[in-house]
Amino acid sequence: MRYVCQVCGYVYDDEKEGVSFASLPDDWQCPLCGARKSDFRPEEPSAAAEVKESRPQRTYMEETDEKLSAGQLAALMSNLARGCEKQYKAEEAAMFAKIADHLTRLAAPAEDATVERLARMLKEDVEAYPQVRSQADLCGDRGAARICVWGEKVTRMLSSLTERYLAEGDSMLQGREIWLCTVCGFVYIGKDPPEKCPVCKVPSWKFEKVQGRKNA
């Protein structure tokens, strides 16, 4: 039996490892990205993808009159700035970053800013990714599809980390640092960053240590 990490794609093969996945302790973690045992799923047999002819569904923004908050717009502008930076468009990146800073100053403090709420929101995001990916595939947008692949993996990891923190508390960070991949946003907990990002495969020097917290 083979089990696949839903975050980075690492495959645990019972036969090769000589130890069944089921017998691994509950606190066992993915050797590649550190995801929890519960983040693994049995490998499903591959099947040819079925092309469904259907009209693309309306997006969330098309179906609702709800307006984005200043904080949400700030996050959007920040992501656009980072995207422009990766495309070596310095002028556009600086423009979006300036708008993001302005909106951040206007943003009201978040309500119910708790780890529990964050965990719920991340789970909702993970569940929404298949629909978003299907829209990208229907539109034939390879760039959006690639973003969905990276985004889902990063979001699954963040969801896994918040669940671990709710269960373990500050002991989860004891003797460890928080590392952020500056390319795809993957977050890794450990003494040192991984040699290679499990999501976008960039080398360890692309990781930055997250500051601003008290070391345990």
N, C-alpha and C. Protein backbone atom coordinates (compact mmCIF):
# COMPACT_ATOMS: atom_id res chain seq x y z
N MET A 1 0.86 -1.19 0.00
CA MET A 1 0.00 0.00 0.00
C MET A 1 0.89 1.24 0.00
N ARG A 2 0.47 2.26 -0.77
CA ARG A 2 1.22 3.50 -0.85
C ARG A 2 0.34 4.66 -0.39
N TYR A 3 0.95 5.59 0.34
CA TYR A 3 0.24 6.74 0.87
C TYR A 3 0.94 8.01 0.42
N VAL A 4 0.14 9.00 0.02
CA VAL A 4 0.69 10.22 -0.57
C VAL A 4 0.43 11.42 0.34
N CYS A 5 1.49 12.21 0.58
CA CYS A 5 1.36 13.45 1.35
C CYS A 5 0.58 14.45 0.51
N GLN A 6 -0.51 14.98 1.08
CA GLN A 6 -1.35 15.92 0.36
C GLN A 6 -0.74 17.31 0.26
N VAL A 7 0.39 17.52 0.95
CA VAL A 7 1.07 18.82 0.89
C VAL A 7 2.14 18.85 -0.18
N CYS A 8 3.09 17.90 -0.09
CA CYS A 8 4.24 17.96 -1.00
C CYS A 8 4.30 16.82 -2.01
N GLY A 9 3.44 15.80 -1.86
CA GLY A 9 3.42 14.70 -2.81
C GLY A 9 4.35 13.54 -2.46
N TYR A 10 5.01 13.60 -1.32
CA TYR A 10 5.89 12.50 -0.90
C TYR A 10 5.08 11.21 -0.78
N VAL A 11 5.65 10.11 -1.26
CA VAL A 11 4.95 8.82 -1.24
C VAL A 11 5.60 7.89 -0.22
N TYR A 12 4.79 7.39 0.70
CA TYR A 12 5.24 6.40 1.67
C TYR A 12 4.78 5.04 1.17
N ASP A 13 5.75 4.17 0.87
CA ASP A 13 5.47 2.84 0.32
C ASP A 13 5.70 1.80 1.41
N ASP A 14 4.62 1.14 1.85
CA ASP A 14 4.73 0.13 2.91
C ASP A 14 5.77 -0.93 2.58
N GLU A 15 5.76 -1.40 1.35
CA GLU A 15 6.65 -2.48 0.96
C GLU A 15 8.11 -2.05 1.00
N LYS A 16 8.41 -0.87 0.47
CA LYS A 16 9.79 -0.39 0.45
C LYS A 16 10.29 -0.02 1.85
N GLU A 17 9.42 0.57 2.65
CA GLU A 17 9.82 1.01 3.98
C GLU A 17 9.94 -0.16 4.96
N GLY A 18 9.20 -1.24 4.70
CA GLY A 18 9.26 -2.38 5.60
C GLY A 18 8.43 -2.20 6.85
N VAL A 19 7.75 -1.07 6.96
CA VAL A 19 6.87 -0.78 8.10
C VAL A 19 5.56 -0.24 7.54
N SER A 20 4.46 -0.80 7.96
CA SER A 20 3.17 -0.36 7.43
C SER A 20 2.87 1.06 7.90
N PHE A 21 2.23 1.81 7.04
CA PHE A 21 1.89 3.19 7.37
C PHE A 21 0.98 3.24 8.59
N ALA A 22 0.07 2.29 8.66
CA ALA A 22 -0.89 2.27 9.77
C ALA A 22 -0.21 2.12 11.12
N SER A 23 0.94 1.45 11.15
CA SER A 23 1.63 1.21 12.42
C SER A 23 2.52 2.37 12.85
N LEU A 24 2.67 3.39 12.00
CA LEU A 24 3.48 4.55 12.37
C LEU A 24 2.79 5.31 13.50
N PRO A 25 3.54 5.91 14.42
CA PRO A 25 2.92 6.66 15.52
C PRO A 25 2.15 7.87 15.00
N ASP A 26 1.18 8.31 15.78
CA ASP A 26 0.33 9.42 15.37
C ASP A 26 1.10 10.72 15.17
N ASP A 27 2.23 10.87 15.89
CA ASP A 27 3.01 12.10 15.76
C ASP A 27 4.08 12.02 14.67
N TRP A 28 4.04 10.93 13.87
CA TRP A 28 4.97 10.81 12.74
C TRP A 28 4.71 11.94 11.75
N GLN A 29 5.78 12.46 11.13
CA GLN A 29 5.64 13.56 10.18
C GLN A 29 6.30 13.22 8.85
N CYS A 30 5.85 13.87 7.81
CA CYS A 30 6.42 13.69 6.48
C CYS A 30 7.90 14.05 6.52
N PRO A 31 8.78 13.16 6.07
CA PRO A 31 10.22 13.44 6.11
C PRO A 31 10.65 14.55 5.16
N LEU A 32 9.78 14.92 4.24
CA LEU A 32 10.14 15.96 3.27
C LEU A 32 9.67 17.34 3.68
N CYS A 33 8.39 17.45 4.07
CA CYS A 33 7.84 18.78 4.37
C CYS A 33 7.38 18.95 5.82
N GLY A 34 7.35 17.86 6.60
CA GLY A 34 6.95 17.97 8.00
C GLY A 34 5.45 17.90 8.23
N ALA A 35 4.67 17.58 7.20
CA ALA A 35 3.22 17.47 7.36
C ALA A 35 2.87 16.31 8.29
N ARG A 36 1.68 16.37 8.87
CA ARG A 36 1.26 15.34 9.81
C ARG A 36 0.88 14.04 9.11
N LYS A 37 0.85 12.96 9.88
CA LYS A 37 0.44 11.67 9.34
C LYS A 37 -0.97 11.77 8.78
N SER A 38 -1.85 12.55 9.42
CA SER A 38 -3.23 12.68 8.97
C SER A 38 -3.35 13.42 7.64
N ASP A 39 -2.25 14.03 7.18
CA ASP A 39 -2.26 14.72 5.89
C ASP A 39 -1.93 13.78 4.74
N PHE A 40 -1.76 12.50 5.02
CA PHE A 40 -1.51 11.50 3.97
C PHE A 40 -2.82 10.82 3.59
N ARG A 41 -2.91 10.41 2.32
CA ARG A 41 -4.07 9.70 1.82
C ARG A 41 -3.61 8.48 1.01
N PRO A 42 -4.37 7.39 1.00
CA PRO A 42 -4.00 6.23 0.18
C PRO A 42 -3.90 6.65 -1.28
N GLU A 43 -2.90 6.14 -1.97
CA GLU A 43 -2.72 6.46 -3.38
C GLU A 43 -3.85 5.85 -4.19
N GLU A 44 -4.44 6.66 -5.03
CA GLU A 44 -5.53 6.18 -5.89
C GLU A 44 -4.98 5.80 -7.25
N PRO A 45 -5.53 4.75 -7.87
CA PRO A 45 -5.07 4.37 -9.21
C PRO A 45 -5.31 5.48 -10.20
N SER A 46 -4.33 5.71 -11.07
CA SER A 46 -4.46 6.78 -12.05
C SER A 46 -5.53 6.43 -13.07
N ALA A 47 -6.19 7.44 -13.55
CA ALA A 47 -7.24 7.25 -14.56
C ALA A 47 -7.21 8.43 -15.51
N ALA A 48 -7.60 8.16 -16.73
CA ALA A 48 -7.59 9.24 -17.73
C ALA A 48 -8.59 10.31 -17.31
N ALA A 49 -8.15 11.54 -17.40
CA ALA A 49 -9.01 12.66 -16.99
C ALA A 49 -10.18 12.78 -17.95
N GLU A 50 -11.35 12.96 -17.40
CA GLU A 50 -12.54 13.13 -18.21
C GLU A 50 -12.76 14.61 -18.50
N VAL A 51 -12.90 14.92 -19.77
CA VAL A 51 -13.13 16.30 -20.17
C VAL A 51 -14.63 16.56 -20.15
N LYS A 52 -15.05 17.42 -19.30
CA LYS A 52 -16.47 17.71 -19.17
C LYS A 52 -16.79 19.02 -19.89
N GLU A 53 -17.74 18.93 -20.81
CA GLU A 53 -18.14 20.11 -21.54
C GLU A 53 -19.25 20.79 -20.76
N SER A 54 -18.88 21.86 -20.13
CA SER A 54 -19.86 22.61 -19.36
C SER A 54 -19.45 24.07 -19.35
N ARG A 55 -20.42 24.91 -19.20
CA ARG A 55 -20.12 26.33 -19.17
C ARG A 55 -19.48 26.67 -17.83
N PRO A 56 -18.39 27.44 -17.83
CA PRO A 56 -17.73 27.80 -16.57
C PRO A 56 -18.72 28.41 -15.60
N GLN A 57 -18.61 28.02 -14.34
CA GLN A 57 -19.49 28.56 -13.33
C GLN A 57 -19.12 30.01 -13.05
N ARG A 58 -20.08 30.75 -12.54
CA ARG A 58 -19.81 32.13 -12.18
C ARG A 58 -18.91 32.16 -10.96
N THR A 59 -18.03 33.13 -10.93
CA THR A 59 -17.09 33.23 -9.82
C THR A 59 -17.79 33.82 -8.61
N TYR A 60 -17.11 33.74 -7.46
CA TYR A 60 -17.68 34.28 -6.22
C TYR A 60 -17.96 35.77 -6.36
N MET A 61 -17.01 36.51 -6.97
CA MET A 61 -17.18 37.95 -7.09
C MET A 61 -18.32 38.32 -8.04
N GLU A 62 -18.66 37.43 -8.99
CA GLU A 62 -19.76 37.68 -9.90
C GLU A 62 -21.11 37.37 -9.25
N GLU A 63 -21.10 36.52 -8.24
CA GLU A 63 -22.35 36.07 -7.63
C GLU A 63 -22.75 36.87 -6.41
N THR A 64 -21.87 37.72 -5.92
CA THR A 64 -22.15 38.43 -4.68
C THR A 64 -21.91 39.92 -4.84
N ASP A 65 -22.61 40.70 -4.05
CA ASP A 65 -22.40 42.14 -4.04
C ASP A 65 -21.43 42.55 -2.94
N GLU A 66 -20.92 41.57 -2.23
CA GLU A 66 -20.01 41.86 -1.13
C GLU A 66 -18.72 42.51 -1.66
N LYS A 67 -18.30 43.55 -1.00
CA LYS A 67 -17.09 44.26 -1.39
C LYS A 67 -15.92 43.82 -0.53
N LEU A 68 -14.74 43.81 -1.12
CA LEU A 68 -13.55 43.44 -0.37
C LEU A 68 -13.20 44.55 0.62
N SER A 69 -12.73 44.13 1.79
CA SER A 69 -12.31 45.10 2.79
C SER A 69 -10.96 45.68 2.43
N ALA A 70 -10.56 46.73 3.14
CA ALA A 70 -9.24 47.33 2.89
C ALA A 70 -8.14 46.32 3.14
N GLY A 71 -8.32 45.48 4.16
CA GLY A 71 -7.31 44.47 4.47
C GLY A 71 -7.20 43.43 3.37
N GLN A 72 -8.35 43.01 2.84
CA GLN A 72 -8.35 42.02 1.75
C GLN A 72 -7.73 42.61 0.48
N LEU A 73 -8.05 43.87 0.19
CA LEU A 73 -7.46 44.53 -0.97
C LEU A 73 -5.96 44.71 -0.79
N ALA A 74 -5.54 44.98 0.45
CA ALA A 74 -4.11 45.13 0.72
C ALA A 74 -3.37 43.83 0.43
N ALA A 75 -3.98 42.71 0.84
CA ALA A 75 -3.37 41.40 0.58
C ALA A 75 -3.29 41.13 -0.91
N LEU A 76 -4.36 41.50 -1.64
CA LEU A 76 -4.38 41.31 -3.09
C LEU A 76 -3.29 42.13 -3.77
N MET A 77 -3.17 43.41 -3.36
CA MET A 77 -2.14 44.28 -3.95
C MET A 77 -0.74 43.77 -3.62
N SER A 78 -0.57 43.25 -2.41
CA SER A 78 0.73 42.72 -2.02
C SER A 78 1.11 41.52 -2.87
N ASN A 79 0.13 40.66 -3.14
CA ASN A 79 0.39 39.49 -4.00
C ASN A 79 0.72 39.91 -5.43
N LEU A 80 0.02 40.93 -5.91
CA LEU A 80 0.30 41.43 -7.26
C LEU A 80 1.71 42.03 -7.32
N ALA A 81 2.11 42.70 -6.24
CA ALA A 81 3.46 43.27 -6.18
C ALA A 81 4.50 42.16 -6.25
N ARG A 82 4.26 41.09 -5.50
CA ARG A 82 5.20 39.97 -5.50
C ARG A 82 5.24 39.30 -6.89
N GLY A 83 4.09 39.19 -7.52
CA GLY A 83 4.04 38.60 -8.85
C GLY A 83 4.82 39.43 -9.86
N CYS A 84 4.67 40.74 -9.79
CA CYS A 84 5.41 41.63 -10.70
C CYS A 84 6.91 41.54 -10.42
N GLU A 85 7.25 41.43 -9.15
CA GLU A 85 8.67 41.30 -8.78
C GLU A 85 9.27 40.05 -9.41
N LYS A 86 8.53 38.94 -9.40
CA LYS A 86 9.04 37.69 -9.97
C LYS A 86 9.17 37.79 -11.49
N GLN A 87 8.41 38.71 -12.08
CA GLN A 87 8.49 38.91 -13.53
C GLN A 87 9.47 40.04 -13.89
N TYR A 88 10.21 40.50 -12.91
CA TYR A 88 11.21 41.57 -13.10
C TYR A 88 10.58 42.87 -13.60
N LYS A 89 9.36 43.14 -13.12
CA LYS A 89 8.69 44.39 -13.46
C LYS A 89 8.74 45.28 -12.23
N ALA A 90 9.89 45.92 -12.04
CA ALA A 90 10.16 46.68 -10.82
C ALA A 90 9.20 47.85 -10.64
N GLU A 91 8.89 48.58 -11.71
CA GLU A 91 8.02 49.75 -11.59
C GLU A 91 6.62 49.35 -11.15
N GLU A 92 6.08 48.30 -11.77
CA GLU A 92 4.74 47.84 -11.41
C GLU A 92 4.72 47.26 -9.99
N ALA A 93 5.79 46.55 -9.62
CA ALA A 93 5.88 45.98 -8.27
C ALA A 93 5.86 47.08 -7.22
N ALA A 94 6.61 48.15 -7.47
CA ALA A 94 6.67 49.27 -6.53
C ALA A 94 5.30 49.95 -6.41
N MET A 95 4.58 50.06 -7.53
CA MET A 95 3.26 50.69 -7.52
C MET A 95 2.27 49.88 -6.68
N PHE A 96 2.22 48.54 -6.92
CA PHE A 96 1.30 47.70 -6.15
C PHE A 96 1.68 47.68 -4.67
N ALA A 97 2.98 47.68 -4.37
CA ALA A 97 3.43 47.68 -2.98
C ALA A 97 3.02 48.97 -2.27
N LYS A 98 3.08 50.09 -2.98
CA LYS A 98 2.67 51.36 -2.40
C LYS A 98 1.18 51.37 -2.09
N ILE A 99 0.39 50.82 -3.01
CA ILE A 99 -1.06 50.74 -2.79
C ILE A 99 -1.35 49.82 -1.60
N ALA A 100 -0.62 48.70 -1.52
CA ALA A 100 -0.81 47.75 -0.41
C ALA A 100 -0.51 48.41 0.93
N ASP A 101 0.55 49.19 1.00
CA ASP A 101 0.91 49.88 2.24
C ASP A 101 -0.19 50.87 2.64
N HIS A 102 -0.72 51.59 1.65
CA HIS A 102 -1.79 52.56 1.94
C HIS A 102 -3.04 51.86 2.46
N LEU A 103 -3.43 50.77 1.82
CA LEU A 103 -4.62 50.04 2.25
C LEU A 103 -4.43 49.39 3.61
N THR A 104 -3.21 48.96 3.89
CA THR A 104 -2.91 48.37 5.20
C THR A 104 -3.15 49.37 6.32
N ARG A 105 -2.77 50.62 6.08
CA ARG A 105 -2.98 51.67 7.09
C ARG A 105 -4.47 51.97 7.29
N LEU A 106 -5.26 51.73 6.25
CA LEU A 106 -6.71 51.99 6.34
C LEU A 106 -7.48 50.82 6.95
N ALA A 107 -6.86 49.64 6.94
CA ALA A 107 -7.56 48.43 7.37
C ALA A 107 -7.89 48.46 8.85
N ALA A 108 -9.10 48.05 9.17
CA ALA A 108 -9.52 47.96 10.56
C ALA A 108 -8.93 46.69 11.19
N PRO A 109 -8.70 46.69 12.51
CA PRO A 109 -8.19 45.48 13.17
C PRO A 109 -9.11 44.29 12.93
N ALA A 110 -8.51 43.13 12.71
CA ALA A 110 -9.30 41.93 12.44
C ALA A 110 -10.10 41.53 13.68
N GLU A 111 -11.36 41.13 13.46
CA GLU A 111 -12.19 40.66 14.56
C GLU A 111 -11.95 39.16 14.77
N ASP A 112 -12.01 38.74 16.03
CA ASP A 112 -11.84 37.33 16.36
C ASP A 112 -10.54 36.79 15.75
N ALA A 113 -9.45 37.51 15.97
CA ALA A 113 -8.15 37.11 15.41
C ALA A 113 -7.53 36.01 16.29
N THR A 114 -8.06 34.80 16.16
CA THR A 114 -7.60 33.67 16.96
C THR A 114 -7.08 32.57 16.06
N VAL A 115 -6.28 31.69 16.64
CA VAL A 115 -5.76 30.55 15.88
C VAL A 115 -6.91 29.64 15.47
N GLU A 116 -7.93 29.52 16.31
CA GLU A 116 -9.08 28.68 16.00
C GLU A 116 -9.79 29.17 14.75
N ARG A 117 -9.97 30.48 14.66
CA ARG A 117 -10.63 31.03 13.47
C ARG A 117 -9.76 30.84 12.24
N LEU A 118 -8.46 31.05 12.40
CA LEU A 118 -7.54 30.85 11.28
C LEU A 118 -7.61 29.41 10.77
N ALA A 119 -7.67 28.46 11.71
CA ALA A 119 -7.75 27.04 11.33
C ALA A 119 -9.01 26.77 10.52
N ARG A 120 -10.14 27.36 10.94
CA ARG A 120 -11.39 27.16 10.21
C ARG A 120 -11.31 27.76 8.81
N MET A 121 -10.73 28.94 8.69
CA MET A 121 -10.64 29.61 7.40
C MET A 121 -9.72 28.84 6.44
N LEU A 122 -8.63 28.31 6.96
CA LEU A 122 -7.72 27.54 6.12
C LEU A 122 -8.38 26.27 5.60
N LYS A 123 -9.17 25.61 6.46
CA LYS A 123 -9.89 24.41 6.02
C LYS A 123 -10.87 24.75 4.90
N GLU A 124 -11.55 25.89 5.03
CA GLU A 124 -12.48 26.32 3.99
C GLU A 124 -11.75 26.58 2.68
N ASP A 125 -10.57 27.19 2.77
CA ASP A 125 -9.78 27.47 1.57
C ASP A 125 -9.34 26.16 0.89
N VAL A 126 -8.90 25.19 1.70
CA VAL A 126 -8.46 23.91 1.14
C VAL A 126 -9.62 23.24 0.39
N GLU A 127 -10.80 23.27 0.98
CA GLU A 127 -11.97 22.64 0.37
C GLU A 127 -12.40 23.35 -0.91
N ALA A 128 -12.07 24.64 -1.04
CA ALA A 128 -12.50 25.41 -2.21
C ALA A 128 -11.56 25.25 -3.40
N TYR A 129 -10.33 24.79 -3.18
CA TYR A 129 -9.35 24.73 -4.26
C TYR A 129 -9.78 23.85 -5.45
N PRO A 130 -10.38 22.68 -5.23
CA PRO A 130 -10.79 21.87 -6.40
C PRO A 130 -11.69 22.63 -7.37
N GLN A 131 -12.63 23.43 -6.85
CA GLN A 131 -13.52 24.19 -7.71
C GLN A 131 -12.74 25.26 -8.47
N VAL A 132 -11.82 25.92 -7.77
CA VAL A 132 -11.02 26.96 -8.42
C VAL A 132 -10.16 26.35 -9.52
N ARG A 133 -9.55 25.19 -9.22
CA ARG A 133 -8.72 24.52 -10.21
C ARG A 133 -9.55 24.09 -11.43
N SER A 134 -10.77 23.62 -11.19
CA SER A 134 -11.61 23.19 -12.31
C SER A 134 -11.92 24.35 -13.24
N GLN A 135 -12.10 25.54 -12.68
CA GLN A 135 -12.36 26.71 -13.51
C GLN A 135 -11.14 27.05 -14.36
N ALA A 136 -9.95 26.94 -13.78
CA ALA A 136 -8.71 27.21 -14.52
C ALA A 136 -8.56 26.21 -15.66
N ASP A 137 -8.88 24.94 -15.39
CA ASP A 137 -8.76 23.91 -16.42
C ASP A 137 -9.77 24.14 -17.55
N LEU A 138 -11.01 24.50 -17.18
CA LEU A 138 -12.04 24.74 -18.18
C LEU A 138 -11.69 25.90 -19.09
N CYS A 139 -11.02 26.89 -18.52
CA CYS A 139 -10.63 28.06 -19.30
C CYS A 139 -9.31 27.85 -20.03
N GLY A 140 -8.64 26.72 -19.78
CA GLY A 140 -7.36 26.46 -20.42
C GLY A 140 -6.26 27.39 -19.97
N ASP A 141 -6.38 27.92 -18.76
CA ASP A 141 -5.38 28.86 -18.23
C ASP A 141 -4.32 28.08 -17.46
N ARG A 142 -3.21 27.78 -18.12
CA ARG A 142 -2.15 26.98 -17.49
C ARG A 142 -1.49 27.72 -16.34
N GLY A 143 -1.38 29.03 -16.48
CA GLY A 143 -0.77 29.82 -15.40
C GLY A 143 -1.60 29.76 -14.14
N ALA A 144 -2.92 29.93 -14.28
CA ALA A 144 -3.81 29.87 -13.12
C ALA A 144 -3.81 28.48 -12.51
N ALA A 145 -3.76 27.44 -13.39
CA ALA A 145 -3.74 26.07 -12.89
C ALA A 145 -2.49 25.81 -12.06
N ARG A 146 -1.35 26.34 -12.52
CA ARG A 146 -0.11 26.17 -11.77
C ARG A 146 -0.18 26.88 -10.42
N ILE A 147 -0.77 28.07 -10.42
CA ILE A 147 -0.94 28.80 -9.17
C ILE A 147 -1.81 28.00 -8.21
N CYS A 148 -2.85 27.35 -8.75
CA CYS A 148 -3.73 26.54 -7.90
C CYS A 148 -2.97 25.38 -7.27
N VAL A 149 -2.07 24.75 -8.03
CA VAL A 149 -1.30 23.63 -7.51
C VAL A 149 -0.43 24.10 -6.35
N TRP A 150 0.32 25.17 -6.57
CA TRP A 150 1.17 25.70 -5.51
C TRP A 150 0.34 26.19 -4.33
N GLY A 151 -0.73 26.94 -4.64
CA GLY A 151 -1.54 27.52 -3.59
C GLY A 151 -2.19 26.47 -2.70
N GLU A 152 -2.69 25.39 -3.31
CA GLU A 152 -3.33 24.34 -2.52
C GLU A 152 -2.32 23.66 -1.59
N LYS A 153 -1.12 23.39 -2.10
CA LYS A 153 -0.11 22.74 -1.27
C LYS A 153 0.31 23.63 -0.10
N VAL A 154 0.52 24.92 -0.38
CA VAL A 154 0.91 25.84 0.69
C VAL A 154 -0.21 25.97 1.71
N THR A 155 -1.45 26.07 1.23
CA THR A 155 -2.58 26.22 2.14
C THR A 155 -2.77 24.97 2.99
N ARG A 156 -2.58 23.79 2.39
CA ARG A 156 -2.69 22.55 3.16
C ARG A 156 -1.63 22.51 4.26
N MET A 157 -0.43 23.00 3.96
CA MET A 157 0.62 23.00 4.96
C MET A 157 0.29 23.97 6.10
N LEU A 158 -0.21 25.15 5.75
CA LEU A 158 -0.59 26.12 6.77
C LEU A 158 -1.72 25.56 7.64
N SER A 159 -2.67 24.85 7.02
CA SER A 159 -3.74 24.23 7.78
C SER A 159 -3.19 23.17 8.72
N SER A 160 -2.24 22.38 8.22
CA SER A 160 -1.63 21.34 9.04
C SER A 160 -0.89 21.95 10.23
N LEU A 161 -0.17 23.05 9.99
CA LEU A 161 0.59 23.70 11.06
C LEU A 161 -0.32 24.30 12.12
N THR A 162 -1.43 24.91 11.70
CA THR A 162 -2.33 25.49 12.70
C THR A 162 -2.99 24.40 13.54
N GLU A 163 -3.32 23.27 12.92
CA GLU A 163 -3.90 22.16 13.68
C GLU A 163 -2.88 21.61 14.68
N ARG A 164 -1.63 21.52 14.24
CA ARG A 164 -0.57 21.07 15.16
C ARG A 164 -0.41 22.04 16.33
N TYR A 165 -0.47 23.33 16.02
CA TYR A 165 -0.30 24.33 17.09
C TYR A 165 -1.45 24.27 18.09
N LEU A 166 -2.66 24.04 17.59
CA LEU A 166 -3.80 23.91 18.50
C LEU A 166 -3.64 22.71 19.41
N ALA A 167 -3.00 21.66 18.91
CA ALA A 167 -2.82 20.45 19.69
C ALA A 167 -1.61 20.51 20.61
N GLU A 168 -0.51 21.15 20.14
CA GLU A 168 0.75 21.13 20.88
C GLU A 168 1.09 22.44 21.58
N GLY A 169 0.52 23.55 21.12
CA GLY A 169 0.83 24.85 21.72
C GLY A 169 2.25 25.30 21.39
N ASP A 170 2.82 26.13 22.25
CA ASP A 170 4.15 26.69 22.01
C ASP A 170 5.26 25.64 21.97
N SER A 171 5.00 24.46 22.52
CA SER A 171 6.02 23.41 22.49
C SER A 171 6.36 23.00 21.06
N MET A 172 5.44 23.25 20.14
CA MET A 172 5.66 22.93 18.74
C MET A 172 6.84 23.72 18.17
N LEU A 173 7.09 24.91 18.72
CA LEU A 173 8.14 25.79 18.20
C LEU A 173 9.43 25.72 19.02
N GLN A 174 9.43 24.94 20.08
CA GLN A 174 10.59 24.88 20.95
C GLN A 174 11.82 24.37 20.19
N GLY A 175 12.88 25.18 20.20
CA GLY A 175 14.12 24.80 19.54
C GLY A 175 14.04 24.82 18.03
N ARG A 176 12.98 25.41 17.48
CA ARG A 176 12.79 25.45 16.03
C ARG A 176 12.57 26.88 15.57
N GLU A 177 12.74 27.09 14.29
CA GLU A 177 12.48 28.38 13.68
C GLU A 177 11.38 28.23 12.64
N ILE A 178 10.81 29.37 12.24
CA ILE A 178 9.80 29.39 11.19
C ILE A 178 10.45 29.92 9.92
N TRP A 179 10.39 29.13 8.86
CA TRP A 179 11.03 29.50 7.59
C TRP A 179 9.97 29.68 6.51
N LEU A 180 10.12 30.74 5.72
CA LEU A 180 9.16 31.06 4.66
C LEU A 180 9.86 31.04 3.30
N CYS A 181 9.31 30.26 2.38
CA CYS A 181 9.83 30.26 1.00
C CYS A 181 9.39 31.56 0.34
N THR A 182 10.32 32.37 -0.11
CA THR A 182 10.00 33.66 -0.70
C THR A 182 9.44 33.55 -2.11
N VAL A 183 9.45 32.34 -2.67
CA VAL A 183 8.93 32.16 -4.02
C VAL A 183 7.46 31.74 -4.01
N CYS A 184 7.13 30.68 -3.25
CA CYS A 184 5.75 30.17 -3.28
C CYS A 184 4.99 30.37 -1.98
N GLY A 185 5.67 30.77 -0.90
CA GLY A 185 4.98 31.00 0.37
C GLY A 185 4.90 29.80 1.29
N PHE A 186 5.56 28.70 0.94
CA PHE A 186 5.55 27.51 1.79
C PHE A 186 6.20 27.83 3.13
N VAL A 187 5.61 27.33 4.20
CA VAL A 187 6.12 27.56 5.56
C VAL A 187 6.65 26.26 6.13
N TYR A 188 7.86 26.33 6.68
CA TYR A 188 8.51 25.14 7.23
C TYR A 188 8.95 25.43 8.67
N ILE A 189 8.72 24.47 9.56
CA ILE A 189 9.12 24.58 10.95
C ILE A 189 10.30 23.66 11.20
N GLY A 190 11.43 24.21 11.61
CA GLY A 190 12.61 23.39 11.88
C GLY A 190 13.80 24.25 12.26
N LYS A 191 14.86 23.61 12.69
CA LYS A 191 16.06 24.35 13.07
C LYS A 191 16.66 25.05 11.88
N ASP A 192 16.67 24.38 10.73
CA ASP A 192 17.20 24.94 9.49
C ASP A 192 16.16 24.76 8.38
N PRO A 193 16.21 25.57 7.33
CA PRO A 193 15.27 25.40 6.22
C PRO A 193 15.56 24.12 5.47
N PRO A 194 14.59 23.58 4.75
CA PRO A 194 14.84 22.37 3.96
C PRO A 194 15.83 22.66 2.84
N GLU A 195 16.57 21.66 2.39
CA GLU A 195 17.53 21.85 1.32
C GLU A 195 16.86 22.32 0.04
N LYS A 196 15.62 21.89 -0.15
CA LYS A 196 14.86 22.27 -1.33
C LYS A 196 13.40 22.43 -0.95
N CYS A 197 12.74 23.48 -1.44
CA CYS A 197 11.33 23.69 -1.12
C CYS A 197 10.50 22.51 -1.64
N PRO A 198 9.71 21.88 -0.78
CA PRO A 198 8.89 20.74 -1.21
C PRO A 198 7.83 21.10 -2.25
N VAL A 199 7.50 22.38 -2.36
CA VAL A 199 6.45 22.79 -3.29
C VAL A 199 7.02 23.28 -4.62
N CYS A 200 7.88 24.31 -4.59
CA CYS A 200 8.35 24.91 -5.84
C CYS A 200 9.78 24.53 -6.20
N LYS A 201 10.44 23.75 -5.32
CA LYS A 201 11.75 23.15 -5.60
C LYS A 201 12.92 24.13 -5.63
N VAL A 202 12.76 25.36 -5.14
CA VAL A 202 13.89 26.28 -5.10
C VAL A 202 14.83 25.89 -3.95
N PRO A 203 16.11 26.28 -4.00
CA PRO A 203 17.07 25.90 -2.96
C PRO A 203 16.82 26.62 -1.63
N SER A 204 17.50 26.16 -0.59
CA SER A 204 17.26 26.65 0.77
C SER A 204 17.52 28.14 0.94
N TRP A 205 18.43 28.71 0.12
CA TRP A 205 18.74 30.14 0.31
C TRP A 205 17.58 31.04 -0.10
N LYS A 206 16.55 30.47 -0.70
CA LYS A 206 15.36 31.23 -1.04
C LYS A 206 14.40 31.34 0.15
N PHE A 207 14.73 30.66 1.27
CA PHE A 207 13.91 30.73 2.47
C PHE A 207 14.38 31.88 3.36
N GLU A 208 13.44 32.54 4.01
CA GLU A 208 13.74 33.58 4.98
C GLU A 208 13.21 33.17 6.34
N LYS A 209 13.98 33.47 7.39
CA LYS A 209 13.54 33.17 8.75
C LYS A 209 12.55 34.23 9.19
N VAL A 210 11.40 33.79 9.68
CA VAL A 210 10.37 34.72 10.14
C VAL A 210 10.77 35.26 11.50
N GLN A 211 10.89 36.57 11.59
CA GLN A 211 11.28 37.21 12.83
C GLN A 211 10.03 37.72 13.56
N GLY A 212 10.23 38.38 14.67
CA GLY A 212 9.12 39.00 15.36
C GLY A 212 8.40 38.11 16.33
N ARG A 213 9.02 36.98 16.74
CA ARG A 213 8.40 36.12 17.74
C ARG A 213 9.45 35.79 18.79
N LYS A 214 9.01 35.42 19.95
CA LYS A 214 9.91 35.03 21.02
C LYS A 214 10.33 33.59 20.82
N ASN A 215 11.61 33.32 20.86
CA ASN A 215 12.07 31.93 20.75
C ASN A 215 11.68 31.16 22.00
N ALA A 216 11.19 29.94 21.81
CA ALA A 216 10.78 29.13 22.95
C ALA A 216 11.99 28.62 23.69
